[in-house]
Each structure stands twice: as structure tokens, then as C-alpha cells.
PDB file of N, CA and C in Angstrom:
ATOM      1  N   MET A   1       0.756  -1.209   0.000  1.00  0.00           N
ATOM      2  CA  MET A   1       0.029   0.010  -0.090  1.00  0.00           C
ATOM      3  C   MET A   1       0.796   1.209  -0.025  1.00  0.00           C
ATOM      4  N   LEU A   2       1.782   1.250  -0.954  1.00  0.00           N
ATOM      5  CA  LEU A   2       2.704   2.405  -1.253  1.00  0.00           C
ATOM      6  C   LEU A   2       2.310   3.082  -2.427  1.00  0.00           C
ATOM      7  N   ASP A   3       2.539   4.472  -2.554  1.00  0.00           N
ATOM      8  CA  ASP A   3       2.174   5.033  -3.679  1.00  0.00           C
ATOM      9  C   ASP A   3       3.322   4.819  -4.776  1.00  0.00           C
ATOM     10  N   LYS A   4       3.222   5.478  -5.911  1.00  0.00           N
ATOM     11  CA  LYS A   4       4.320   5.293  -6.868  1.00  0.00           C
ATOM     12  C   LYS A   4       5.612   5.797  -6.604  1.00  0.00           C
ATOM     13  N   ASP A   5       5.824   6.730  -5.610  1.00  0.00           N
ATOM     14  CA  ASP A   5       7.062   7.133  -5.039  1.00  0.00           C
ATOM     15  C   ASP A   5       7.534   6.330  -3.711  1.00  0.00           C
ATOM     16  N   GLY A   6       6.751   5.433  -3.470  1.00  0.00           N
ATOM     17  CA  GLY A   6       7.217   4.662  -2.253  1.00  0.00           C
ATOM     18  C   GLY A   6       6.727   5.200  -0.870  1.00  0.00           C
ATOM     19  N   TYR A   7       5.887   6.060  -0.883  1.00  0.00           N
ATOM     20  CA  TYR A   7       5.270   6.720   0.422  1.00  0.00           C
ATOM     21  C   TYR A   7       3.991   5.860   0.789  1.00  0.00           C
ATOM     22  N   PRO A   8       3.759   5.646   2.159  1.00  0.00           N
ATOM     23  CA  PRO A   8       2.470   4.990   2.445  1.00  0.00           C
ATOM     24  C   PRO A   8       1.326   5.795   1.942  1.00  0.00           C
ATOM     25  N   THR A   9       0.337   5.160   1.412  1.00  0.00           N
ATOM     26  CA  THR A   9      -1.008   5.694   1.015  1.00  0.00           C
ATOM     27  C   THR A   9      -1.831   6.235   2.281  1.00  0.00           C
ATOM     28  N   ASP A  10      -2.752   7.097   2.005  1.00  0.00           N
ATOM     29  CA  ASP A  10      -3.574   7.440   3.206  1.00  0.00           C
ATOM     30  C   ASP A  10      -4.408   6.313   3.620  1.00  0.00           C
ATOM     31  N   GLU A  11      -4.775   5.367   2.659  1.00  0.00           N
ATOM     32  CA  GLU A  11      -5.513   4.125   3.138  1.00  0.00           C
ATOM     33  C   GLU A  11      -4.630   3.236   3.968  1.00  0.00           C
ATOM     34  N   ALA A  12      -3.331   3.136   3.643  1.00  0.00           N
ATOM     35  CA  ALA A  12      -2.525   2.368   4.608  1.00  0.00           C
ATOM     36  C   ALA A  12      -2.424   3.054   5.972  1.00  0.00           C
ATOM     37  N   LEU A  13      -2.274   4.351   6.006  1.00  0.00           N
ATOM     38  CA  LEU A  13      -2.204   4.950   7.283  1.00  0.00           C
ATOM     39  C   LEU A  13      -3.443   4.801   8.214  1.00  0.00           C
ATOM     40  N   GLN A  14      -4.532   4.893   7.380  1.00  0.00           N
ATOM     41  CA  GLN A  14      -5.862   4.746   8.129  1.00  0.00           C
ATOM     42  C   GLN A  14      -5.811   3.351   8.552  1.00  0.00           C
ATOM     43  N   LYS A  15      -5.425   2.440   7.914  1.00  0.00           N
ATOM     44  CA  LYS A  15      -5.501   0.882   8.287  1.00  0.00           C
ATOM     45  C   LYS A  15      -4.735   0.771   9.644  1.00  0.00           C
ATOM     46  N   ILE A  16      -3.425   1.476   9.633  1.00  0.00           N
ATOM     47  CA  ILE A  16      -2.647   1.434  10.985  1.00  0.00           C
ATOM     48  C   ILE A  16      -3.584   2.056  12.084  1.00  0.00           C
ATOM     49  N   GLU A  17      -4.053   3.207  11.918  1.00  0.00           N
ATOM     50  CA  GLU A  17      -4.619   3.820  12.944  1.00  0.00           C
ATOM     51  C   GLU A  17      -5.776   2.964  13.576  1.00  0.00           C
ATOM     52  N   SER A  18      -6.554   2.221  12.737  1.00  0.00           N
ATOM     53  CA  SER A  18      -7.781   1.506  13.006  1.00  0.00           C
ATOM     54  C   SER A  18      -7.523   0.069  13.406  1.00  0.00           C
ATOM     55  N   TRP A  19      -6.313  -0.463  13.253  1.00  0.00           N
ATOM     56  CA  TRP A  19      -5.953  -1.880  13.270  1.00  0.00           C
ATOM     57  C   TRP A  19      -6.325  -2.318  14.645  1.00  0.00           C
ATOM     58  N   LYS A  20      -7.102  -3.439  14.862  1.00  0.00           N
ATOM     59  CA  LYS A  20      -7.489  -4.001  16.008  1.00  0.00           C
ATOM     60  C   LYS A  20      -6.619  -5.303  16.215  1.00  0.00           C
ATOM     61  N   PHE A  21      -6.219  -5.642  17.552  1.00  0.00           N
ATOM     62  CA  PHE A  21      -5.338  -6.823  17.712  1.00  0.00           C
ATOM     63  C   PHE A  21      -5.936  -7.467  19.118  1.00  0.00           C
ATOM     64  N   SER A  22      -6.904  -8.347  18.882  1.00  0.00           N
ATOM     65  CA  SER A  22      -7.528  -8.949  20.002  1.00  0.00           C
ATOM     66  C   SER A  22      -6.898 -10.281  20.294  1.00  0.00           C
ATOM     67  N   ASN A  23      -5.880 -10.685  19.419  1.00  0.00           N
ATOM     68  CA  ASN A  23      -5.128 -11.941  19.707  1.00  0.00           C
ATOM     69  C   ASN A  23      -3.771 -11.671  19.129  1.00  0.00           C
ATOM     70  N   GLU A  24      -2.911 -12.589  19.477  1.00  0.00           N
ATOM     71  CA  GLU A  24      -1.512 -12.562  19.069  1.00  0.00           C
ATOM     72  C   GLU A  24      -1.294 -12.452  17.539  1.00  0.00           C
ATOM     73  N   ALA A  25      -2.054 -13.253  16.808  1.00  0.00           N
ATOM     74  CA  ALA A  25      -1.994 -13.229  15.306  1.00  0.00           C
ATOM     75  C   ALA A  25      -2.290 -11.881  14.818  1.00  0.00           C
ATOM     76  N   GLU A  26      -3.407 -11.223  15.299  1.00  0.00           N
ATOM     77  CA  GLU A  26      -3.708  -9.854  14.723  1.00  0.00           C
ATOM     78  C   GLU A  26      -2.567  -8.824  15.056  1.00  0.00           C
ATOM     79  N   LEU A  27      -1.975  -9.041  16.205  1.00  0.00           N
ATOM     80  CA  LEU A  27      -0.948  -8.077  16.483  1.00  0.00           C
ATOM     81  C   LEU A  27       0.389  -8.371  15.696  1.00  0.00           C
ATOM     82  N   LYS A  28       0.620  -9.612  15.446  1.00  0.00           N
ATOM     83  CA  LYS A  28       1.765  -9.898  14.524  1.00  0.00           C
ATOM     84  C   LYS A  28       1.523  -9.477  13.114  1.00  0.00           C
ATOM     85  N   GLY A  29       0.235  -9.491  12.770  1.00  0.00           N
ATOM     86  CA  GLY A  29      -0.055  -9.067  11.533  1.00  0.00           C
ATOM     87  C   GLY A  29       0.098  -7.572  11.224  1.00  0.00           C
ATOM     88  N   LEU A  30      -0.155  -6.754  12.375  1.00  0.00           N
ATOM     89  CA  LEU A  30       0.136  -5.328  12.438  1.00  0.00           C
ATOM     90  C   LEU A  30       1.716  -5.110  12.218  1.00  0.00           C
ATOM     91  N   LEU A  31       2.462  -5.933  12.916  1.00  0.00           N
ATOM     92  CA  LEU A  31       3.884  -5.777  12.832  1.00  0.00           C
ATOM     93  C   LEU A  31       4.443  -6.086  11.333  1.00  0.00           C
ATOM     94  N   VAL A  32       3.827  -7.103  10.784  1.00  0.00           N
ATOM     95  CA  VAL A  32       4.224  -7.448   9.313  1.00  0.00           C
ATOM     96  C   VAL A  32       3.895  -6.340   8.413  1.00  0.00           C
ATOM     97  N   PHE A  33       2.511  -5.714   8.592  1.00  0.00           N
ATOM     98  CA  PHE A  33       2.157  -4.558   7.787  1.00  0.00           C
ATOM     99  C   PHE A  33       3.067  -3.452   7.873  1.00  0.00           C
ATOM    100  N   LEU A  34       3.472  -3.121   9.113  1.00  0.00           N
ATOM    101  CA  LEU A  34       4.442  -1.969   9.349  1.00  0.00           C
ATOM    102  C   LEU A  34       5.741  -2.202   8.684  1.00  0.00           C
ATOM    103  N   ASN A  35       6.240  -3.422   8.708  1.00  0.00           N
ATOM    104  CA  ASN A  35       7.521  -3.793   8.154  1.00  0.00           C
ATOM    105  C   ASN A  35       7.399  -3.594   6.627  1.00  0.00           C
ATOM    106  N   GLU A  36       6.275  -3.898   6.033  1.00  0.00           N
ATOM    107  CA  GLU A  36       6.000  -3.935   4.608  1.00  0.00           C
ATOM    108  C   GLU A  36       6.072  -2.428   4.070  1.00  0.00           C
ATOM    109  N   LEU A  37       5.645  -1.597   4.908  1.00  0.00           N
ATOM    110  CA  LEU A  37       5.578  -0.112   4.641  1.00  0.00           C
ATOM    111  C   LEU A  37       6.874   0.678   4.901  1.00  0.00           C
ATOM    112  N   TRP A  38       7.632   0.116   5.833  1.00  0.00           N
ATOM    113  CA  TRP A  38       8.764   0.884   6.295  1.00  0.00           C
ATOM    114  C   TRP A  38       9.884   0.945   5.307  1.00  0.00           C
ATOM    115  N   HIS A  39      10.331   2.263   4.951  1.00  0.00           N
ATOM    116  CA  HIS A  39      11.336   2.604   4.201  1.00  0.00           C
ATOM    117  C   HIS A  39      12.606   2.184   4.850  1.00  0.00           C
ATOM    118  N   TRP A  40      13.626   1.504   4.266  1.00  0.00           N
ATOM    119  CA  TRP A  40      14.896   1.084   4.838  1.00  0.00           C
ATOM    120  C   TRP A  40      14.582   0.097   5.865  1.00  0.00           C
ATOM    121  N   GLU A  41      13.763  -0.881   5.610  1.00  0.00           N
ATOM    122  CA  GLU A  41      13.329  -1.855   6.645  1.00  0.00           C
ATOM    123  C   GLU A  41      14.578  -2.635   7.142  1.00  0.00           C
ATOM    124  N   ASP A  42      15.552  -2.807   6.410  1.00  0.00           N
ATOM    125  CA  ASP A  42      16.754  -3.553   6.779  1.00  0.00           C
ATOM    126  C   ASP A  42      17.520  -2.863   7.842  1.00  0.00           C
ATOM    127  N   TRP A  43      17.321  -1.537   7.970  1.00  0.00           N
ATOM    128  CA  TRP A  43      17.978  -0.834   9.001  1.00  0.00           C
ATOM    129  C   TRP A  43      17.202  -0.200  10.070  1.00  0.00           C
ATOM    130  N   GLY A  44      16.036   0.332   9.618  1.00  0.00           N
ATOM    131  CA  GLY A  44      15.266   1.090  10.597  1.00  0.00           C
ATOM    132  C   GLY A  44      14.204   0.434  11.177  1.00  0.00           C
ATOM    133  N   PHE A  45      13.906  -0.935  10.768  1.00  0.00           N
ATOM    134  CA  PHE A  45      12.829  -1.657  11.423  1.00  0.00           C
ATOM    135  C   PHE A  45      13.459  -2.885  12.038  1.00  0.00           C
ATOM    136  N   VAL A  46      13.614  -3.080  13.366  1.00  0.00           N
ATOM    137  CA  VAL A  46      14.271  -4.025  14.068  1.00  0.00           C
ATOM    138  C   VAL A  46      13.242  -4.711  15.103  1.00  0.00           C
ATOM    139  N   LEU A  47      13.069  -6.080  14.786  1.00  0.00           N
ATOM    140  CA  LEU A  47      12.140  -6.732  15.650  1.00  0.00           C
ATOM    141  C   LEU A  47      12.859  -7.917  16.092  1.00  0.00           C
ATOM    142  N   LYS A  48      12.863  -8.144  17.523  1.00  0.00           N
ATOM    143  CA  LYS A  48      13.772  -9.225  18.085  1.00  0.00           C
ATOM    144  C   LYS A  48      12.967  -9.875  19.227  1.00  0.00           C
ATOM    145  N   GLY A  49      13.180 -11.059  19.480  1.00  0.00           N
ATOM    146  CA  GLY A  49      12.464 -11.753  20.681  1.00  0.00           C
ATOM    147  C   GLY A  49      11.537 -12.844  20.137  1.00  0.00           C
ATOM    148  N   LYS A  50      10.925 -13.506  21.156  1.00  0.00           N
ATOM    149  CA  LYS A  50      10.009 -14.529  20.960  1.00  0.00           C
ATOM    150  C   LYS A  50       8.771 -14.324  21.764  1.00  0.00           C
ATOM    151  N   ASN A  51       8.935 -14.591  22.957  1.00  0.00           N
ATOM    152  CA  ASN A  51       7.685 -14.241  23.964  1.00  0.00           C
ATOM    153  C   ASN A  51       7.580 -12.766  24.331  1.00  0.00           C
ATOM    154  N   ILE A  52       8.780 -12.182  24.389  1.00  0.00           N
ATOM    155  CA  ILE A  52       9.046 -10.699  24.600  1.00  0.00           C
ATOM    156  C   ILE A  52       9.522 -10.057  23.335  1.00  0.00           C
ATOM    157  N   LEU A  53       8.652  -9.405  22.694  1.00  0.00           N
ATOM    158  CA  LEU A  53       9.329  -8.689  21.480  1.00  0.00           C
ATOM    159  C   LEU A  53       9.767  -7.425  21.610  1.00  0.00           C
ATOM    160  N   HIS A  54      10.928  -7.104  21.147  1.00  0.00           N
ATOM    161  CA  HIS A  54      11.411  -5.636  21.155  1.00  0.00           C
ATOM    162  C   HIS A  54      11.372  -5.176  19.840  1.00  0.00           C
ATOM    163  N   LEU A  55      10.673  -4.044  19.688  1.00  0.00           N
ATOM    164  CA  LEU A  55      10.535  -3.441  18.276  1.00  0.00           C
ATOM    165  C   LEU A  55      11.244  -2.065  18.332  1.00  0.00           C
ATOM    166  N   GLU A  56      12.072  -1.805  17.392  1.00  0.00           N
ATOM    167  CA  GLU A  56      12.771  -0.492  17.231  1.00  0.00           C
ATOM    168  C   GLU A  56      12.372   0.108  15.907  1.00  0.00           C
ATOM    169  N   LEU A  57      11.904   1.176  15.863  1.00  0.00           N
ATOM    170  CA  LEU A  57      11.547   1.993  14.658  1.00  0.00           C
ATOM    171  C   LEU A  57      12.416   3.184  14.509  1.00  0.00           C
ATOM    172  N   HIS A  58      13.233   3.247  13.464  1.00  0.00           N
ATOM    173  CA  HIS A  58      14.164   4.288  13.267  1.00  0.00           C
ATOM    174  C   HIS A  58      13.864   5.083  11.782  1.00  0.00           C
ATOM    175  N   THR A  59      13.325   6.252  11.943  1.00  0.00           N
ATOM    176  CA  THR A  59      12.764   6.788  10.701  1.00  0.00           C
ATOM    177  C   THR A  59      13.771   7.233   9.706  1.00  0.00           C
ATOM    178  N   GLY A  60      14.959   7.618  10.230  1.00  0.00           N
ATOM    179  CA  GLY A  60      15.990   8.018   9.249  1.00  0.00           C
ATOM    180  C   GLY A  60      15.566   9.403   8.635  1.00  0.00           C
ATOM    181  N   GLY A  61      14.704  10.076   9.367  1.00  0.00           N
ATOM    182  CA  GLY A  61      14.237  11.478   8.857  1.00  0.00           C
ATOM    183  C   GLY A  61      13.347  11.343   7.661  1.00  0.00           C
ATOM    184  N   TRP A  62      13.011  10.262   7.180  1.00  0.00           N
ATOM    185  CA  TRP A  62      12.269  10.082   5.898  1.00  0.00           C
ATOM    186  C   TRP A  62      10.743  10.278   6.295  1.00  0.00           C
ATOM    187  N   SER A  63      10.106  11.249   5.648  1.00  0.00           N
ATOM    188  CA  SER A  63       8.775  11.681   5.931  1.00  0.00           C
ATOM    189  C   SER A  63       7.671  10.455   5.880  1.00  0.00           C
ATOM    190  N   GLY A  64       8.011   9.553   4.940  1.00  0.00           N
ATOM    191  CA  GLY A  64       7.099   8.318   4.916  1.00  0.00           C
ATOM    192  C   GLY A  64       6.976   7.544   6.169  1.00  0.00           C
ATOM    193  N   ASN A  65       8.266   7.197   6.778  1.00  0.00           N
ATOM    194  CA  ASN A  65       8.291   6.637   7.928  1.00  0.00           C
ATOM    195  C   ASN A  65       7.551   7.366   9.138  1.00  0.00           C
ATOM    196  N   GLU A  66       7.922   8.819   9.137  1.00  0.00           N
ATOM    197  CA  GLU A  66       7.223   9.651  10.085  1.00  0.00           C
ATOM    198  C   GLU A  66       5.829   9.578  10.066  1.00  0.00           C
ATOM    199  N   SER A  67       5.292   9.493   8.877  1.00  0.00           N
ATOM    200  CA  SER A  67       3.827   9.193   8.693  1.00  0.00           C
ATOM    201  C   SER A  67       3.285   7.796   9.359  1.00  0.00           C
ATOM    202  N   VAL A  68       4.022   6.934   9.121  1.00  0.00           N
ATOM    203  CA  VAL A  68       3.604   5.504   9.688  1.00  0.00           C
ATOM    204  C   VAL A  68       3.648   5.722  11.296  1.00  0.00           C
ATOM    205  N   VAL A  69       4.659   6.475  11.828  1.00  0.00           N
ATOM    206  CA  VAL A  69       4.809   6.639  13.265  1.00  0.00           C
ATOM    207  C   VAL A  69       3.511   7.436  13.801  1.00  0.00           C
ATOM    208  N   HIS A  70       3.304   8.450  13.071  1.00  0.00           N
ATOM    209  CA  HIS A  70       2.111   9.276  13.542  1.00  0.00           C
ATOM    210  C   HIS A  70       0.833   8.448  13.529  1.00  0.00           C
ATOM    211  N   ALA A  71       0.710   7.603  12.495  1.00  0.00           N
ATOM    212  CA  ALA A  71      -0.515   6.746  12.382  1.00  0.00           C
ATOM    213  C   ALA A  71      -0.500   5.690  13.628  1.00  0.00           C
ATOM    214  N   LEU A  72       0.704   5.132  13.738  1.00  0.00           N
ATOM    215  CA  LEU A  72       0.682   4.293  14.946  1.00  0.00           C
ATOM    216  C   LEU A  72       0.576   5.039  16.452  1.00  0.00           C
ATOM    217  N   GLN A  73       0.676   6.182  16.522  1.00  0.00           N
ATOM    218  CA  GLN A  73       0.479   6.952  17.737  1.00  0.00           C
ATOM    219  C   GLN A  73      -0.964   6.998  17.983  1.00  0.00           C
ATOM    220  N   LYS A  74      -1.908   6.895  16.964  1.00  0.00           N
ATOM    221  CA  LYS A  74      -3.278   7.042  17.016  1.00  0.00           C
ATOM    222  C   LYS A  74      -3.877   5.523  17.373  1.00  0.00           C
ATOM    223  N   ASN A  75      -3.095   4.592  17.397  1.00  0.00           N
ATOM    224  CA  ASN A  75      -3.586   3.223  17.565  1.00  0.00           C
ATOM    225  C   ASN A  75      -3.255   2.696  19.126  1.00  0.00           C
ATOM    226  N   MET A  76      -4.058   1.835  19.602  1.00  0.00           N
ATOM    227  CA  MET A  76      -3.801   1.346  21.092  1.00  0.00           C
ATOM    228  C   MET A  76      -2.420   0.751  21.182  1.00  0.00           C
ATOM    229  N   PHE A  77      -1.919   0.312  20.083  1.00  0.00           N
ATOM    230  CA  PHE A  77      -0.558  -0.339  20.088  1.00  0.00           C
ATOM    231  C   PHE A  77       0.508   0.679  20.873  1.00  0.00           C
ATOM    232  N   TRP A  78       0.411   1.875  20.471  1.00  0.00           N
ATOM    233  CA  TRP A  78       1.297   2.806  21.149  1.00  0.00           C
ATOM    234  C   TRP A  78       1.148   2.848  22.598  1.00  0.00           C
ATOM    235  N   TRP A  79      -0.085   2.988  23.185  1.00  0.00           N
ATOM    236  CA  TRP A  79      -0.407   3.091  24.441  1.00  0.00           C
ATOM    237  C   TRP A  79       0.014   1.777  25.292  1.00  0.00           C
ATOM    238  N   CYS A  80      -0.264   0.674  24.608  1.00  0.00           N
ATOM    239  CA  CYS A  80       0.132  -0.562  25.182  1.00  0.00           C
ATOM    240  C   CYS A  80       1.604  -0.920  25.321  1.00  0.00           C
ATOM    241  N   PHE A  81       2.406  -0.537  24.180  1.00  0.00           N
ATOM    242  CA  PHE A  81       3.662  -1.183  24.145  1.00  0.00           C
ATOM    243  C   PHE A  81       4.846  -0.208  23.978  1.00  0.00           C
ATOM    244  N   TRP A  82       4.562   1.173  23.987  1.00  0.00           N
ATOM    245  CA  TRP A  82       5.690   2.054  23.800  1.00  0.00           C
ATOM    246  C   TRP A  82       6.477   2.238  25.043  1.00  0.00           C
ATOM    247  N   GLU A  83       7.877   2.144  24.823  1.00  0.00           N
ATOM    248  CA  GLU A  83       8.719   2.202  25.890  1.00  0.00           C
ATOM    249  C   GLU A  83       9.291   3.694  26.008  1.00  0.00           C
ATOM    250  N   LYS A  84       9.889   4.019  24.867  1.00  0.00           N
ATOM    251  CA  LYS A  84      10.570   5.411  24.843  1.00  0.00           C
ATOM    252  C   LYS A  84      10.880   5.840  23.417  1.00  0.00           C
ATOM    253  N   SER A  85      11.045   7.153  23.282  1.00  0.00           N
ATOM    254  CA  SER A  85      11.390   7.703  22.142  1.00  0.00           C
ATOM    255  C   SER A  85      12.561   8.715  22.354  1.00  0.00           C
ATOM    256  N   LEU A  86      13.491   8.726  21.301  1.00  0.00           N
ATOM    257  CA  LEU A  86      14.584   9.539  21.365  1.00  0.00           C
ATOM    258  C   LEU A  86      14.575  10.493  20.282  1.00  0.00           C
ATOM    259  N   ARG A  87      15.215  11.645  20.487  1.00  0.00           N
ATOM    260  CA  ARG A  87      15.335  12.700  19.454  1.00  0.00           C
ATOM    261  C   ARG A  87      16.034  12.001  18.241  1.00  0.00           C
ATOM    262  N   GLY A  88      15.460  12.499  17.118  1.00  0.00           N
ATOM    263  CA  GLY A  88      15.942  11.938  15.888  1.00  0.00           C
ATOM    264  C   GLY A  88      15.222  10.919  15.210  1.00  0.00           C
ATOM    265  N   GLY A  89      13.949  10.640  15.709  1.00  0.00           N
ATOM    266  CA  GLY A  89      13.074   9.649  15.012  1.00  0.00           C
ATOM    267  C   GLY A  89      13.457   8.195  15.444  1.00  0.00           C
ATOM    268  N   HIS A  90      13.740   7.914  16.813  1.00  0.00           N
ATOM    269  CA  HIS A  90      13.916   6.745  17.248  1.00  0.00           C
ATOM    270  C   HIS A  90      12.854   6.209  18.298  1.00  0.00           C
ATOM    271  N   TYR A  91      12.206   5.172  18.143  1.00  0.00           N
ATOM    272  CA  TYR A  91      11.097   4.624  18.833  1.00  0.00           C
ATOM    273  C   TYR A  91      11.198   3.246  19.271  1.00  0.00           C
ATOM    274  N   TYR A  92      10.976   2.917  20.583  1.00  0.00           N
ATOM    275  CA  TYR A  92      11.228   1.579  21.083  1.00  0.00           C
ATOM    276  C   TYR A  92      10.007   1.140  21.815  1.00  0.00           C
ATOM    277  N   PHE A  93       9.699  -0.139  21.594  1.00  0.00           N
ATOM    278  CA  PHE A  93       8.508  -0.810  22.027  1.00  0.00           C
ATOM    279  C   PHE A  93       8.872  -2.186  22.679  1.00  0.00           C
ATOM    280  N   LYS A  94       8.051  -2.549  23.782  1.00  0.00           N
ATOM    281  CA  LYS A  94       8.371  -3.933  24.384  1.00  0.00           C
ATOM    282  C   LYS A  94       6.964  -4.539  24.412  1.00  0.00           C
ATOM    283  N   ILE A  95       6.858  -5.718  23.857  1.00  0.00           N
ATOM    284  CA  ILE A  95       5.566  -6.460  23.739  1.00  0.00           C
ATOM    285  C   ILE A  95       5.678  -7.738  24.434  1.00  0.00           C
ATOM    286  N   ASN A  96       5.186  -7.878  25.478  1.00  0.00           N
ATOM    287  CA  ASN A  96       5.168  -9.097  26.246  1.00  0.00           C
ATOM    288  C   ASN A  96       3.897  -9.953  25.863  1.00  0.00           C
ATOM    289  N   LEU A  97       4.142 -10.884  24.910  1.00  0.00           N
ATOM    290  CA  LEU A  97       3.002 -11.658  24.436  1.00  0.00           C
ATOM    291  C   LEU A  97       2.322 -12.481  25.445  1.00  0.00           C
ATOM    292  N   LYS A  98       3.062 -13.128  26.329  1.00  0.00           N
ATOM    293  CA  LYS A  98       2.385 -13.852  27.419  1.00  0.00           C
ATOM    294  C   LYS A  98       1.558 -13.098  28.464  1.00  0.00           C
ATOM    295  N   THR A  99       2.008 -11.975  28.761  1.00  0.00           N
ATOM    296  CA  THR A  99       1.154 -11.077  29.683  1.00  0.00           C
ATOM    297  C   THR A  99      -0.025 -10.445  28.886  1.00  0.00           C
ATOM    298  N   PHE A 100       0.113 -10.001  27.645  1.00  0.00           N
ATOM    299  CA  PHE A 100      -0.859  -9.413  26.906  1.00  0.00           C
ATOM    300  C   PHE A 100      -1.877 -10.265  26.378  1.00  0.00           C
ATOM    301  N   PHE A 101      -1.520 -11.516  26.083  1.00  0.00           N
ATOM    302  CA  PHE A 101      -2.326 -12.466  25.431  1.00  0.00           C
ATOM    303  C   PHE A 101      -2.211 -13.822  26.255  1.00  0.00           C
ATOM    304  N   PRO A 102      -2.675 -13.827  27.433  1.00  0.00           N
ATOM    305  CA  PRO A 102      -2.532 -15.081  28.292  1.00  0.00           C
ATOM    306  C   PRO A 102      -3.240 -16.239  27.725  1.00  0.00           C
ATOM    307  N   LYS A 103      -2.612 -17.365  27.832  1.00  0.00           N
ATOM    308  CA  LYS A 103      -3.282 -18.588  27.352  1.00  0.00           C
ATOM    309  C   LYS A 103      -4.548 -18.950  28.328  1.00  0.00           C
ATOM    310  N   LYS A 104      -5.718 -19.333  27.707  1.00  0.00           N
ATOM    311  CA  LYS A 104      -6.822 -19.752  28.470  1.00  0.00           C
ATOM    312  C   LYS A 104      -6.869 -21.188  28.660  1.00  0.00           C
ATOM    313  N   GLY A 105      -7.258 -21.541  29.868  1.00  0.00           N
ATOM    314  CA  GLY A 105      -7.481 -22.895  30.103  1.00  0.00           C
ATOM    315  C   GLY A 105      -6.372 -23.622  30.636  1.00  0.00           C
TER     316      GLY A 105
END
């Protein structure tokens, strides 16, 4: 969902803003979608971990990445998992899957 110049479309940004994640699969789907939109994903999109995920987003000053971050700030994801931001477009998230999505039964 990128335009001809590689920027996220308004539709893609709206999808991020309204993305629901009531289970682990939906949350991981959001992460995959963000990765697909991220410019310089090999450098600026870092996802590590298994049960506790650590996500780093580094915009590199690119306005398309900044647009993705602004859309993500409007999603509950930001309020649930944001850890810190650093000047220069660096954002850090911690996602404890076992705590957020406890196994039932």
C-alpha cells in the first residue's frame, strides 16, 4: 500500500490507525504490515524476541516513516507497548505476548 514514490498511502495509514489486535496473530499481522511499509526496513525496522518482542523503529528522517509513526500513535498499540522515544526519530516498544495474550484454560 505504497504510492508510486514509495510513500504509504492514506489508506495504509488509516489501516494502521484502526488496526485491532484482540489476539497474538492480529498483533503480529500489524507488525508485518508496518515492516512492509517501512522505508529502509533492513536498517530502521528491528524486531527481536520470541515471547517478549522488542521493536525499534528508526525513521531516518524520511517523511514516509514519520507518517507511519504518527498513524501508529493513534492506535492502542502505542499506549500498550511504547517504551521510549529519542530525538531524531527513534522509537522503542516492548511487547510481552504472554502477559498481553495469556493462554486460556
